[in-house]
Amino acid sequence: MPTPTGQMTVTLTRELEQFVRDKVREGAFATTSEYIRDLVRSRYLAEKDREARLRALDAALAEGIADAEAGRVVPLGEAFARIRAELGIDSESGNR
């Protein structure tokens, strides 16, 4: 685990403080600082993942727009027919 490089004071309600202390007492974490670091790290990684997924979505949208502007399009009915065929869905009833 990386060595902490900074310190921060966190103020919690009594209820939250007790919750953190209970988690440490249960043995999942050695100290309250370790527990708080784990919570912040989890949130940080989740946000980085979300940002990466949004960048990928933006890139896919830009690619789709560029395709449309270049005339690389498929009529909607044909596109849905292809999707239904790929999924094995009957075009009339919608059943597989």
PDB file of N, CA and C in Angstrom:
ATOM      1  N   MET A   1       0.849  -1.181   0.000  1.00  0.00           N
ATOM      2  CA  MET A   1       0.000   0.000   0.000  1.00  0.00           C
ATOM      3  C   MET A   1       0.888   1.236   0.000  1.00  0.00           C
ATOM      4  N   PRO A   2       0.543   2.262  -0.779  1.00  0.00           N
ATOM      5  CA  PRO A   2       1.350   3.482  -0.821  1.00  0.00           C
ATOM      6  C   PRO A   2       1.380   4.166   0.546  1.00  0.00           C
ATOM      7  N   THR A   3       2.467   4.833   0.841  1.00  0.00           N
ATOM      8  CA  THR A   3       2.589   5.595   2.073  1.00  0.00           C
ATOM      9  C   THR A   3       1.787   6.884   1.942  1.00  0.00           C
ATOM     10  N   PRO A   4       0.946   7.190   2.953  1.00  0.00           N
ATOM     11  CA  PRO A   4       0.181   8.436   2.888  1.00  0.00           C
ATOM     12  C   PRO A   4       1.117   9.635   2.815  1.00  0.00           C
ATOM     13  N   THR A   5       0.749  10.619   2.013  1.00  0.00           N
ATOM     14  CA  THR A   5       1.609  11.789   1.857  1.00  0.00           C
ATOM     15  C   THR A   5       0.981  13.043   2.434  1.00  0.00           C
ATOM     16  N   GLY A   6      -0.247  12.995   2.833  1.00  0.00           N
ATOM     17  CA  GLY A   6      -0.899  14.176   3.379  1.00  0.00           C
ATOM     18  C   GLY A   6      -1.842  13.783   4.492  1.00  0.00           C
ATOM     19  N   GLN A   7      -2.210  14.758   5.275  1.00  0.00           N
ATOM     20  CA  GLN A   7      -3.161  14.508   6.347  1.00  0.00           C
ATOM     21  C   GLN A   7      -4.362  15.400   6.163  1.00  0.00           C
ATOM     22  N   MET A   8      -5.487  14.907   6.684  1.00  0.00           N
ATOM     23  CA  MET A   8      -6.726  15.643   6.551  1.00  0.00           C
ATOM     24  C   MET A   8      -7.562  15.348   7.791  1.00  0.00           C
ATOM     25  N   THR A   9      -8.265  16.321   8.275  1.00  0.00           N
ATOM     26  CA  THR A   9      -9.168  16.122   9.399  1.00  0.00           C
ATOM     27  C   THR A   9     -10.578  15.996   8.842  1.00  0.00           C
ATOM     28  N   VAL A  10     -11.281  14.975   9.290  1.00  0.00           N
ATOM     29  CA  VAL A  10     -12.646  14.739   8.830  1.00  0.00           C
ATOM     30  C   VAL A  10     -13.571  14.800  10.043  1.00  0.00           C
ATOM     31  N   THR A  11     -14.635  15.570   9.918  1.00  0.00           N
ATOM     32  CA  THR A  11     -15.612  15.671  10.989  1.00  0.00           C
ATOM     33  C   THR A  11     -16.848  14.871  10.593  1.00  0.00           C
ATOM     34  N   LEU A  12     -17.250  13.961  11.477  1.00  0.00           N
ATOM     35  CA  LEU A  12     -18.397  13.095  11.216  1.00  0.00           C
ATOM     36  C   LEU A  12     -19.456  13.296  12.289  1.00  0.00           C
ATOM     37  N   THR A  13     -20.679  12.974  11.949  1.00  0.00           N
ATOM     38  CA  THR A  13     -21.716  12.942  12.980  1.00  0.00           C
ATOM     39  C   THR A  13     -21.389  11.802  13.936  1.00  0.00           C
ATOM     40  N   ARG A  14     -21.980  11.806  15.115  1.00  0.00           N
ATOM     41  CA  ARG A  14     -21.734  10.726  16.080  1.00  0.00           C
ATOM     42  C   ARG A  14     -22.109   9.374  15.492  1.00  0.00           C
ATOM     43  N   GLU A  15     -23.212   9.349  14.765  1.00  0.00           N
ATOM     44  CA  GLU A  15     -23.680   8.092  14.167  1.00  0.00           C
ATOM     45  C   GLU A  15     -22.661   7.549  13.156  1.00  0.00           C
ATOM     46  N   LEU A  16     -22.152   8.419  12.293  1.00  0.00           N
ATOM     47  CA  LEU A  16     -21.160   7.985  11.306  1.00  0.00           C
ATOM     48  C   LEU A  16     -19.842   7.606  11.971  1.00  0.00           C
ATOM     49  N   GLU A  17     -19.453   8.356  12.976  1.00  0.00           N
ATOM     50  CA  GLU A  17     -18.228   8.019  13.698  1.00  0.00           C
ATOM     51  C   GLU A  17     -18.339   6.624  14.311  1.00  0.00           C
ATOM     52  N   GLN A  18     -19.474   6.338  14.916  1.00  0.00           N
ATOM     53  CA  GLN A  18     -19.673   5.015  15.523  1.00  0.00           C
ATOM     54  C   GLN A  18     -19.670   3.925  14.468  1.00  0.00           C
ATOM     55  N   PHE A  19     -20.259   4.212  13.324  1.00  0.00           N
ATOM     56  CA  PHE A  19     -20.274   3.258  12.222  1.00  0.00           C
ATOM     57  C   PHE A  19     -18.848   2.910  11.804  1.00  0.00           C
ATOM     58  N   VAL A  20     -18.006   3.923  11.638  1.00  0.00           N
ATOM     59  CA  VAL A  20     -16.609   3.698  11.239  1.00  0.00           C
ATOM     60  C   VAL A  20     -15.886   2.895  12.313  1.00  0.00           C
ATOM     61  N   ARG A  21     -16.058   3.282  13.556  1.00  0.00           N
ATOM     62  CA  ARG A  21     -15.399   2.558  14.653  1.00  0.00           C
ATOM     63  C   ARG A  21     -15.865   1.105  14.711  1.00  0.00           C
ATOM     64  N   ASP A  22     -17.146   0.873  14.469  1.00  0.00           N
ATOM     65  CA  ASP A  22     -17.667  -0.506  14.464  1.00  0.00           C
ATOM     66  C   ASP A  22     -17.014  -1.329  13.357  1.00  0.00           C
ATOM     67  N   LYS A  23     -16.836  -0.729  12.185  1.00  0.00           N
ATOM     68  CA  LYS A  23     -16.196  -1.448  11.070  1.00  0.00           C
ATOM     69  C   LYS A  23     -14.770  -1.835  11.429  1.00  0.00           C
ATOM     70  N   VAL A  24     -14.058  -0.930  12.087  1.00  0.00           N
ATOM     71  CA  VAL A  24     -12.684  -1.234  12.499  1.00  0.00           C
ATOM     72  C   VAL A  24     -12.711  -2.330  13.563  1.00  0.00           C
ATOM     73  N   ARG A  25     -13.615  -2.223  14.510  1.00  0.00           N
ATOM     74  CA  ARG A  25     -13.737  -3.218  15.580  1.00  0.00           C
ATOM     75  C   ARG A  25     -14.068  -4.607  15.017  1.00  0.00           C
ATOM     76  N   GLU A  26     -14.837  -4.651  13.929  1.00  0.00           N
ATOM     77  CA  GLU A  26     -15.177  -5.936  13.303  1.00  0.00           C
ATOM     78  C   GLU A  26     -13.953  -6.606  12.694  1.00  0.00           C
ATOM     79  N   GLY A  27     -12.889  -5.844  12.517  1.00  0.00           N
ATOM     80  CA  GLY A  27     -11.646  -6.422  12.034  1.00  0.00           C
ATOM     81  C   GLY A  27     -11.378  -6.281  10.557  1.00  0.00           C
ATOM     82  N   ALA A  28     -12.269  -5.636   9.838  1.00  0.00           N
ATOM     83  CA  ALA A  28     -12.055  -5.490   8.397  1.00  0.00           C
ATOM     84  C   ALA A  28     -10.922  -4.509   8.106  1.00  0.00           C
ATOM     85  N   PHE A  29     -10.678  -3.587   9.036  1.00  0.00           N
ATOM     86  CA  PHE A  29      -9.642  -2.568   8.862  1.00  0.00           C
ATOM     87  C   PHE A  29      -8.898  -2.408  10.177  1.00  0.00           C
ATOM     88  N   ALA A  30      -7.623  -2.070  10.079  1.00  0.00           N
ATOM     89  CA  ALA A  30      -6.800  -1.935  11.278  1.00  0.00           C
ATOM     90  C   ALA A  30      -7.047  -0.617  12.006  1.00  0.00           C
ATOM     91  N   THR A  31      -7.342   0.438  11.236  1.00  0.00           N
ATOM     92  CA  THR A  31      -7.542   1.760  11.831  1.00  0.00           C
ATOM     93  C   THR A  31      -8.692   2.476  11.140  1.00  0.00           C
ATOM     94  N   THR A  32      -9.181   3.519  11.803  1.00  0.00           N
ATOM     95  CA  THR A  32     -10.236   4.324  11.176  1.00  0.00           C
ATOM     96  C   THR A  32      -9.703   5.005   9.925  1.00  0.00           C
ATOM     97  N   SER A  33      -8.439   5.426   9.952  1.00  0.00           N
ATOM     98  CA  SER A  33      -7.843   6.061   8.773  1.00  0.00           C
ATOM     99  C   SER A  33      -7.815   5.100   7.588  1.00  0.00           C
ATOM    100  N   GLU A  34      -7.507   3.843   7.863  1.00  0.00           N
ATOM    101  CA  GLU A  34      -7.473   2.842   6.787  1.00  0.00           C
ATOM    102  C   GLU A  34      -8.860   2.678   6.168  1.00  0.00           C
ATOM    103  N   TYR A  35      -9.885   2.662   7.001  1.00  0.00           N
ATOM    104  CA  TYR A  35     -11.255   2.523   6.506  1.00  0.00           C
ATOM    105  C   TYR A  35     -11.649   3.730   5.647  1.00  0.00           C
ATOM    106  N   ILE A  36     -11.379   4.935   6.152  1.00  0.00           N
ATOM    107  CA  ILE A  36     -11.723   6.149   5.398  1.00  0.00           C
ATOM    108  C   ILE A  36     -10.962   6.177   4.076  1.00  0.00           C
ATOM    109  N   ARG A  37      -9.667   5.812   4.103  1.00  0.00           N
ATOM    110  CA  ARG A  37      -8.880   5.775   2.858  1.00  0.00           C
ATOM    111  C   ARG A  37      -9.504   4.806   1.859  1.00  0.00           C
ATOM    112  N   ASP A  38      -9.949   3.655   2.350  1.00  0.00           N
ATOM    113  CA  ASP A  38     -10.567   2.672   1.458  1.00  0.00           C
ATOM    114  C   ASP A  38     -11.841   3.229   0.827  1.00  0.00           C
ATOM    115  N   LEU A  39     -12.644   3.920   1.615  1.00  0.00           N
ATOM    116  CA  LEU A  39     -13.873   4.525   1.073  1.00  0.00           C
ATOM    117  C   LEU A  39     -13.562   5.565   0.006  1.00  0.00           C
ATOM    118  N   VAL A  40     -12.593   6.432   0.291  1.00  0.00           N
ATOM    119  CA  VAL A  40     -12.237   7.478  -0.669  1.00  0.00           C
ATOM    120  C   VAL A  40     -11.642   6.855  -1.922  1.00  0.00           C
ATOM    121  N   ARG A  41     -10.783   5.846  -1.762  1.00  0.00           N
ATOM    122  CA  ARG A  41     -10.168   5.176  -2.913  1.00  0.00           C
ATOM    123  C   ARG A  41     -11.238   4.528  -3.794  1.00  0.00           C
ATOM    124  N   SER A  42     -12.208   3.876  -3.177  1.00  0.00           N
ATOM    125  CA  SER A  42     -13.286   3.233  -3.947  1.00  0.00           C
ATOM    126  C   SER A  42     -14.060   4.263  -4.752  1.00  0.00           C
ATOM    127  N   ARG A  43     -14.377   5.381  -4.139  1.00  0.00           N
ATOM    128  CA  ARG A  43     -15.122   6.435  -4.833  1.00  0.00           C
ATOM    129  C   ARG A  43     -14.288   7.024  -5.972  1.00  0.00           C
ATOM    130  N   TYR A  44     -12.994   7.237  -5.692  1.00  0.00           N
ATOM    131  CA  TYR A  44     -12.081   7.780  -6.695  1.00  0.00           C
ATOM    132  C   TYR A  44     -12.003   6.867  -7.917  1.00  0.00           C
ATOM    133  N   LEU A  45     -11.830   5.568  -7.678  1.00  0.00           N
ATOM    134  CA  LEU A  45     -11.728   4.611  -8.792  1.00  0.00           C
ATOM    135  C   LEU A  45     -13.037   4.517  -9.562  1.00  0.00           C
ATOM    136  N   ALA A  46     -14.164   4.571  -8.851  1.00  0.00           N
ATOM    137  CA  ALA A  46     -15.471   4.520  -9.517  1.00  0.00           C
ATOM    138  C   ALA A  46     -15.659   5.734 -10.422  1.00  0.00           C
ATOM    139  N   GLU A  47     -15.244   6.904  -9.957  1.00  0.00           N
ATOM    140  CA  GLU A  47     -15.382   8.108 -10.774  1.00  0.00           C
ATOM    141  C   GLU A  47     -14.450   8.083 -11.977  1.00  0.00           C
ATOM    142  N   LYS A  48     -13.231   7.563 -11.792  1.00  0.00           N
ATOM    143  CA  LYS A  48     -12.314   7.439 -12.929  1.00  0.00           C
ATOM    144  C   LYS A  48     -12.897   6.489 -13.966  1.00  0.00           C
ATOM    145  N   ASP A  49     -13.495   5.389 -13.518  1.00  0.00           N
ATOM    146  CA  ASP A  49     -14.115   4.434 -14.435  1.00  0.00           C
ATOM    147  C   ASP A  49     -15.277   5.081 -15.179  1.00  0.00           C
ATOM    148  N   ARG A  50     -16.093   5.834 -14.472  1.00  0.00           N
ATOM    149  CA  ARG A  50     -17.231   6.523 -15.097  1.00  0.00           C
ATOM    150  C   ARG A  50     -16.742   7.510 -16.154  1.00  0.00           C
ATOM    151  N   GLU A  51     -15.705   8.263 -15.822  1.00  0.00           N
ATOM    152  CA  GLU A  51     -15.148   9.222 -16.779  1.00  0.00           C
ATOM    153  C   GLU A  51     -14.622   8.514 -18.027  1.00  0.00           C
ATOM    154  N   ALA A  52     -13.974   7.366 -17.844  1.00  0.00           N
ATOM    155  CA  ALA A  52     -13.454   6.612 -18.994  1.00  0.00           C
ATOM    156  C   ALA A  52     -14.606   6.107 -19.864  1.00  0.00           C
ATOM    157  N   ARG A  53     -15.674   5.628 -19.224  1.00  0.00           N
ATOM    158  CA  ARG A  53     -16.827   5.157 -19.997  1.00  0.00           C
ATOM    159  C   ARG A  53     -17.490   6.296 -20.748  1.00  0.00           C
ATOM    160  N   LEU A  54     -17.565   7.471 -20.133  1.00  0.00           N
ATOM    161  CA  LEU A  54     -18.143   8.631 -20.826  1.00  0.00           C
ATOM    162  C   LEU A  54     -17.285   9.055 -22.006  1.00  0.00           C
ATOM    163  N   ARG A  55     -15.957   9.008 -21.851  1.00  0.00           N
ATOM    164  CA  ARG A  55     -15.070   9.341 -22.980  1.00  0.00           C
ATOM    165  C   ARG A  55     -15.274   8.349 -24.124  1.00  0.00           C
ATOM    166  N   ALA A  56     -15.426   7.058 -23.789  1.00  0.00           N
ATOM    167  CA  ALA A  56     -15.656   6.047 -24.820  1.00  0.00           C
ATOM    168  C   ALA A  56     -16.994   6.284 -25.512  1.00  0.00           C
ATOM    169  N   LEU A  57     -18.006   6.651 -24.753  1.00  0.00           N
ATOM    170  CA  LEU A  57     -19.318   6.947 -25.332  1.00  0.00           C
ATOM    171  C   LEU A  57     -19.233   8.167 -26.251  1.00  0.00           C
ATOM    172  N   ASP A  58     -18.540   9.206 -25.797  1.00  0.00           N
ATOM    173  CA  ASP A  58     -18.359  10.393 -26.640  1.00  0.00           C
ATOM    174  C   ASP A  58     -17.662  10.039 -27.948  1.00  0.00           C
ATOM    175  N   ALA A  59     -16.644   9.184 -27.877  1.00  0.00           N
ATOM    176  CA  ALA A  59     -15.920   8.781 -29.089  1.00  0.00           C
ATOM    177  C   ALA A  59     -16.825   7.994 -30.029  1.00  0.00           C
ATOM    178  N   ALA A  60     -17.643   7.097 -29.466  1.00  0.00           N
ATOM    179  CA  ALA A  60     -18.556   6.316 -30.300  1.00  0.00           C
ATOM    180  C   ALA A  60     -19.604   7.212 -30.953  1.00  0.00           C
ATOM    181  N   LEU A  61     -20.098   8.183 -30.203  1.00  0.00           N
ATOM    182  CA  LEU A  61     -21.070   9.128 -30.780  1.00  0.00           C
ATOM    183  C   LEU A  61     -20.436   9.954 -31.890  1.00  0.00           C
ATOM    184  N   ALA A  62     -19.222  10.417 -31.663  1.00  0.00           N
ATOM    185  CA  ALA A  62     -18.530  11.199 -32.692  1.00  0.00           C
ATOM    186  C   ALA A  62     -18.316  10.359 -33.943  1.00  0.00           C
ATOM    187  N   GLU A  63     -17.977   9.101 -33.765  1.00  0.00           N
ATOM    188  CA  GLU A  63     -17.797   8.204 -34.909  1.00  0.00           C
ATOM    189  C   GLU A  63     -19.110   8.021 -35.662  1.00  0.00           C
ATOM    190  N   GLY A  64     -20.197   7.843 -34.923  1.00  0.00           N
ATOM    191  CA  GLY A  64     -21.501   7.687 -35.555  1.00  0.00           C
ATOM    192  C   GLY A  64     -21.929   8.922 -36.318  1.00  0.00           C
ATOM    193  N   ILE A  65     -21.686  10.081 -35.729  1.00  0.00           N
ATOM    194  CA  ILE A  65     -22.026  11.342 -36.405  1.00  0.00           C
ATOM    195  C   ILE A  65     -21.197  11.497 -37.668  1.00  0.00           C
ATOM    196  N   ALA A  66     -19.904  11.171 -37.578  1.00  0.00           N
ATOM    197  CA  ALA A  66     -19.037  11.269 -38.763  1.00  0.00           C
ATOM    198  C   ALA A  66     -19.516  10.316 -39.852  1.00  0.00           C
ATOM    199  N   ASP A  67     -19.923   9.107 -39.472  1.00  0.00           N
ATOM    200  CA  ASP A  67     -20.451   8.155 -40.458  1.00  0.00           C
ATOM    201  C   ASP A  67     -21.701   8.715 -41.130  1.00  0.00           C
ATOM    202  N   ALA A  68     -22.599   9.271 -40.318  1.00  0.00           N
ATOM    203  CA  ALA A  68     -23.838   9.831 -40.875  1.00  0.00           C
ATOM    204  C   ALA A  68     -23.539  10.986 -41.816  1.00  0.00           C
ATOM    205  N   GLU A  69     -22.623  11.853 -41.411  1.00  0.00           N
ATOM    206  CA  GLU A  69     -22.279  12.997 -42.260  1.00  0.00           C
ATOM    207  C   GLU A  69     -21.602  12.559 -43.558  1.00  0.00           C
ATOM    208  N   ALA A  70     -20.924  11.411 -43.530  1.00  0.00           N
ATOM    209  CA  ALA A  70     -20.248  10.894 -44.727  1.00  0.00           C
ATOM    210  C   ALA A  70     -21.181  10.033 -45.569  1.00  0.00           C
ATOM    211  N   GLY A  71     -22.441   9.911 -45.135  1.00  0.00           N
ATOM    212  CA  GLY A  71     -23.405   9.145 -45.908  1.00  0.00           C
ATOM    213  C   GLY A  71     -23.372   7.647 -45.631  1.00  0.00           C
ATOM    214  N   ARG A  72     -22.618   7.220 -44.628  1.00  0.00           N
ATOM    215  CA  ARG A  72     -22.567   5.797 -44.283  1.00  0.00           C
ATOM    216  C   ARG A  72     -23.706   5.500 -43.307  1.00  0.00           C
ATOM    217  N   VAL A  73     -24.907   5.378 -43.871  1.00  0.00           N
ATOM    218  CA  VAL A  73     -26.107   5.153 -43.064  1.00  0.00           C
ATOM    219  C   VAL A  73     -26.898   3.975 -43.625  1.00  0.00           C
ATOM    220  N   VAL A  74     -27.783   3.440 -42.779  1.00  0.00           N
ATOM    221  CA  VAL A  74     -28.669   2.340 -43.177  1.00  0.00           C
ATOM    222  C   VAL A  74     -30.084   2.791 -42.843  1.00  0.00           C
ATOM    223  N   PRO A  75     -31.038   2.589 -43.734  1.00  0.00           N
ATOM    224  CA  PRO A  75     -32.421   2.954 -43.410  1.00  0.00           C
ATOM    225  C   PRO A  75     -32.868   2.267 -42.112  1.00  0.00           C
ATOM    226  N   LEU A  76     -33.663   2.958 -41.319  1.00  0.00           N
ATOM    227  CA  LEU A  76     -34.062   2.482 -40.000  1.00  0.00           C
ATOM    228  C   LEU A  76     -34.716   1.102 -40.048  1.00  0.00           C
ATOM    229  N   GLY A  77     -35.631   0.891 -40.980  1.00  0.00           N
ATOM    230  CA  GLY A  77     -36.301  -0.406 -41.077  1.00  0.00           C
ATOM    231  C   GLY A  77     -35.315  -1.533 -41.330  1.00  0.00           C
ATOM    232  N   GLU A  78     -34.346  -1.278 -42.194  1.00  0.00           N
ATOM    233  CA  GLU A  78     -33.322  -2.284 -42.490  1.00  0.00           C
ATOM    234  C   GLU A  78     -32.443  -2.537 -41.267  1.00  0.00           C
ATOM    235  N   ALA A  79     -32.114  -1.480 -40.542  1.00  0.00           N
ATOM    236  CA  ALA A  79     -31.286  -1.635 -39.344  1.00  0.00           C
ATOM    237  C   ALA A  79     -31.997  -2.496 -38.309  1.00  0.00           C
ATOM    238  N   PHE A  80     -33.289  -2.239 -38.077  1.00  0.00           N
ATOM    239  CA  PHE A  80     -34.045  -3.046 -37.123  1.00  0.00           C
ATOM    240  C   PHE A  80     -34.194  -4.484 -37.606  1.00  0.00           C
ATOM    241  N   ALA A  81     -34.376  -4.677 -38.889  1.00  0.00           N
ATOM    242  CA  ALA A  81     -34.473  -6.039 -39.440  1.00  0.00           C
ATOM    243  C   ALA A  81     -33.174  -6.800 -39.185  1.00  0.00           C
ATOM    244  N   ARG A  82     -32.043  -6.138 -39.375  1.00  0.00           N
ATOM    245  CA  ARG A  82     -30.741  -6.778 -39.109  1.00  0.00           C
ATOM    246  C   ARG A  82     -30.608  -7.153 -37.639  1.00  0.00           C
ATOM    247  N   ILE A  83     -31.012  -6.235 -36.771  1.00  0.00           N
ATOM    248  CA  ILE A  83     -30.916  -6.488 -35.328  1.00  0.00           C
ATOM    249  C   ILE A  83     -31.810  -7.658 -34.940  1.00  0.00           C
ATOM    250  N   ARG A  84     -33.049  -7.659 -35.439  1.00  0.00           N
ATOM    251  CA  ARG A  84     -33.963  -8.766 -35.127  1.00  0.00           C
ATOM    252  C   ARG A  84     -33.396 -10.090 -35.615  1.00  0.00           C
ATOM    253  N   ALA A  85     -32.842 -10.100 -36.834  1.00  0.00           N
ATOM    254  CA  ALA A  85     -32.267 -11.329 -37.384  1.00  0.00           C
ATOM    255  C   ALA A  85     -31.100 -11.801 -36.525  1.00  0.00           C
ATOM    256  N   GLU A  86     -30.253 -10.872 -36.108  1.00  0.00           N
ATOM    257  CA  GLU A  86     -29.091 -11.226 -35.289  1.00  0.00           C
ATOM    258  C   GLU A  86     -29.518 -11.788 -33.934  1.00  0.00           C
ATOM    259  N   LEU A  87     -30.615 -11.262 -33.382  1.00  0.00           N
ATOM    260  CA  LEU A  87     -31.123 -11.722 -32.103  1.00  0.00           C
ATOM    261  C   LEU A  87     -32.080 -12.907 -32.234  1.00  0.00           C
ATOM    262  N   GLY A  88     -32.412 -13.274 -33.453  1.00  0.00           N
ATOM    263  CA  GLY A  88     -33.325 -14.383 -33.670  1.00  0.00           C
ATOM    264  C   GLY A  88     -34.759 -14.053 -33.295  1.00  0.00           C
ATOM    265  N   ILE A  89     -35.149 -12.808 -33.515  1.00  0.00           N
ATOM    266  CA  ILE A  89     -36.503 -12.360 -33.162  1.00  0.00           C
ATOM    267  C   ILE A  89     -37.344 -12.306 -34.425  1.00  0.00           C
ATOM    268  N   ASP A  90     -38.548 -12.896 -34.365  1.00  0.00           N
ATOM    269  CA  ASP A  90     -39.489 -12.871 -35.485  1.00  0.00           C
ATOM    270  C   ASP A  90     -39.942 -11.435 -35.707  1.00  0.00           C
ATOM    271  N   SER A  91     -39.796 -10.952 -36.920  1.00  0.00           N
ATOM    272  CA  SER A  91     -40.121  -9.551 -37.203  1.00  0.00           C
ATOM    273  C   SER A  91     -41.604  -9.235 -37.061  1.00  0.00           C
ATOM    274  N   GLU A  92     -42.463 -10.246 -37.208  1.00  0.00           N
ATOM    275  CA  GLU A  92     -43.904  -9.997 -37.107  1.00  0.00           C
ATOM    276  C   GLU A  92     -44.372  -9.963 -35.647  1.00  0.00           C
ATOM    277  N   SER A  93     -44.045 -10.999 -34.878  1.00  0.00           N
ATOM    278  CA  SER A  93     -44.589 -11.110 -33.521  1.00  0.00           C
ATOM    279  C   SER A  93     -43.650 -10.555 -32.451  1.00  0.00           C
ATOM    280  N   GLY A  94     -42.376 -10.462 -32.766  1.00  0.00           N
ATOM    281  CA  GLY A  94     -41.413 -10.020 -31.764  1.00  0.00           C
ATOM    282  C   GLY A  94     -40.955 -11.148 -30.872  1.00  0.00           C
ATOM    283  N   ASN A  95     -41.409 -12.392 -31.184  1.00  0.00           N
ATOM    284  CA  ASN A  95     -41.005 -13.562 -30.387  1.00  0.00           C
ATOM    285  C   ASN A  95     -39.739 -14.194 -30.935  1.00  0.00           C
ATOM    286  N   ARG A  96     -39.063 -14.903 -30.058  1.00  0.00           N
ATOM    287  CA  ARG A  96     -37.849 -15.614 -30.472  1.00  0.00           C
ATOM    288  C   ARG A  96     -38.211 -16.982 -30.973  1.00  0.00           C
TER     289      ARG A  96
END
